Amino acid sequence: MTEIADSTPTEPAPAETDAATETVMFGADWCGDCRRAKLVFDRAGVQYRYVDLVQDPAAADVAKDISGRTNIPVILYPDRSHQVEPSNADLQRKIDELGLARG
């Protein structure tokens, strides 16, 4: 019989996400498309968690697992869909589709 030595729950890594409840953007400040996507979200009042791949390089693997690509930004939505390098129009369509805009 195998026993588990420590059953204490561990804290999730910063890049891990509960996609069912939040929008997460993986990006970097040097990335123009990332800055543009943040601006679209901020102007629409979208609540999201930004994962800075410079501050958390291991999160790049998470973003790649989600998208299958190394391009950024990778945006993961509560409906488990994602976008990679979306245009402003694509971002706005998804914001509207999911009702993510706030006031």
Protein backbone atom coordinates (compact mmCIF):
# COMPACT_ATOMS: atom_id res chain seq x y z
CA MET A 1 0.00 0.00 0.00
CA THR A 2 1.37 3.40 -0.98
CA GLU A 3 0.84 6.29 1.38
CA ILE A 4 0.94 9.93 0.50
CA ALA A 5 3.53 11.57 2.70
CA ASP A 6 2.02 15.04 2.64
CA SER A 7 -1.53 15.79 1.59
CA THR A 8 -1.21 19.53 2.14
CA PRO A 9 -2.56 21.35 -0.90
CA THR A 10 0.03 23.35 -2.78
CA GLU A 11 -0.41 26.86 -4.06
CA PRO A 12 -0.94 26.98 -7.83
CA ALA A 13 1.93 28.34 -9.89
CA PRO A 14 1.43 31.99 -10.91
CA ALA A 15 0.79 31.03 -14.53
CA GLU A 16 -1.85 28.41 -13.70
CA THR A 17 -5.39 29.56 -14.17
CA ASP A 18 -8.96 28.59 -13.50
CA ALA A 19 -10.17 29.21 -17.05
CA ALA A 20 -13.77 28.70 -15.96
CA THR A 21 -13.78 31.93 -13.97
CA GLU A 22 -11.26 34.35 -15.38
CA THR A 23 -9.70 35.80 -18.49
CA VAL A 24 -5.92 35.49 -18.59
CA MET A 25 -3.54 37.26 -20.94
CA PHE A 26 -0.01 35.93 -21.38
CA GLY A 27 2.32 38.60 -22.76
CA ALA A 28 5.33 40.83 -22.34
CA ASP A 29 5.68 44.60 -22.06
CA TRP A 30 8.08 44.69 -25.04
CA CYS A 31 5.34 43.19 -27.25
CA GLY A 32 3.33 45.77 -29.17
CA ASP A 33 0.42 43.37 -29.76
CA CYS A 34 0.31 42.67 -26.01
CA ARG A 35 0.19 46.38 -25.16
CA ARG A 36 -2.55 46.87 -27.78
CA ALA A 37 -4.63 43.97 -26.42
CA LYS A 38 -4.29 45.30 -22.87
CA LEU A 39 -5.50 48.70 -24.07
CA VAL A 40 -8.57 47.16 -25.74
CA PHE A 41 -9.39 45.23 -22.57
CA ASP A 42 -8.77 48.23 -20.32
CA ARG A 43 -10.95 50.53 -22.43
CA ALA A 44 -13.77 47.95 -22.37
CA GLY A 45 -13.41 47.46 -18.63
CA VAL A 46 -12.59 43.77 -18.98
CA GLN A 47 -11.32 42.17 -15.79
CA TYR A 48 -8.35 39.98 -16.62
CA ARG A 49 -5.17 38.62 -15.12
CA TYR A 50 -1.99 39.57 -16.94
CA VAL A 51 0.86 37.06 -16.82
CA ASP A 52 4.13 38.79 -17.68
CA LEU A 53 6.34 36.26 -19.44
CA VAL A 54 9.45 38.29 -18.59
CA GLN A 55 8.65 38.12 -14.87
CA ASP A 56 7.49 34.48 -15.10
CA PRO A 57 9.42 32.78 -17.94
CA ALA A 58 7.98 29.36 -17.07
CA ALA A 59 4.55 30.72 -18.00
CA ALA A 60 5.68 30.72 -21.65
CA ASP A 61 5.31 26.94 -21.58
CA VAL A 62 1.76 27.31 -20.26
CA ALA A 63 0.92 29.78 -23.03
CA LYS A 64 2.43 27.45 -25.63
CA ASP A 65 0.44 24.50 -24.23
CA ILE A 66 -2.74 26.55 -24.59
CA SER A 67 -2.12 27.82 -28.11
CA GLY A 68 0.34 25.38 -29.65
CA ARG A 69 2.37 28.41 -30.73
CA THR A 70 5.05 30.69 -29.34
CA ASN A 71 3.38 33.93 -30.49
CA ILE A 72 1.99 36.36 -27.91
CA PRO A 73 -0.29 37.55 -26.58
CA VAL A 74 -2.17 34.39 -25.78
CA ILE A 75 -5.54 35.17 -24.25
CA LEU A 76 -7.45 32.44 -22.44
CA TYR A 77 -11.15 33.10 -21.85
CA PRO A 78 -13.59 31.73 -19.26
CA ASP A 79 -15.28 29.60 -21.93
CA ARG A 80 -11.92 27.80 -22.43
CA SER A 81 -11.39 29.33 -25.87
CA HIS A 82 -8.26 31.29 -26.66
CA GLN A 83 -6.89 33.83 -29.09
CA VAL A 84 -3.33 34.39 -30.27
CA GLU A 85 -2.32 37.83 -31.56
CA PRO A 86 -5.95 38.83 -32.13
CA SER A 87 -6.89 42.00 -33.98
CA ASN A 88 -8.80 44.70 -32.13
CA ALA A 89 -11.97 43.62 -33.95
CA ASP A 90 -11.46 39.97 -32.93
CA LEU A 91 -10.89 41.03 -29.31
CA GLN A 92 -14.02 43.18 -29.31
CA ARG A 93 -16.12 40.37 -30.83
CA LYS A 94 -14.99 37.99 -28.08
CA ILE A 95 -15.57 40.60 -25.36
CA ASP A 96 -19.10 41.13 -26.69
CA GLU A 97 -19.77 37.39 -27.17
CA LEU A 98 -18.83 36.59 -23.56
CA GLY A 99 -20.23 39.80 -22.05
CA LEU A 100 -16.87 40.71 -20.52
CA ALA A 101 -17.21 44.50 -20.79
CA ARG A 102 -17.89 46.33 -17.54
CA GLY A 103 -19.70 49.66 -17.26
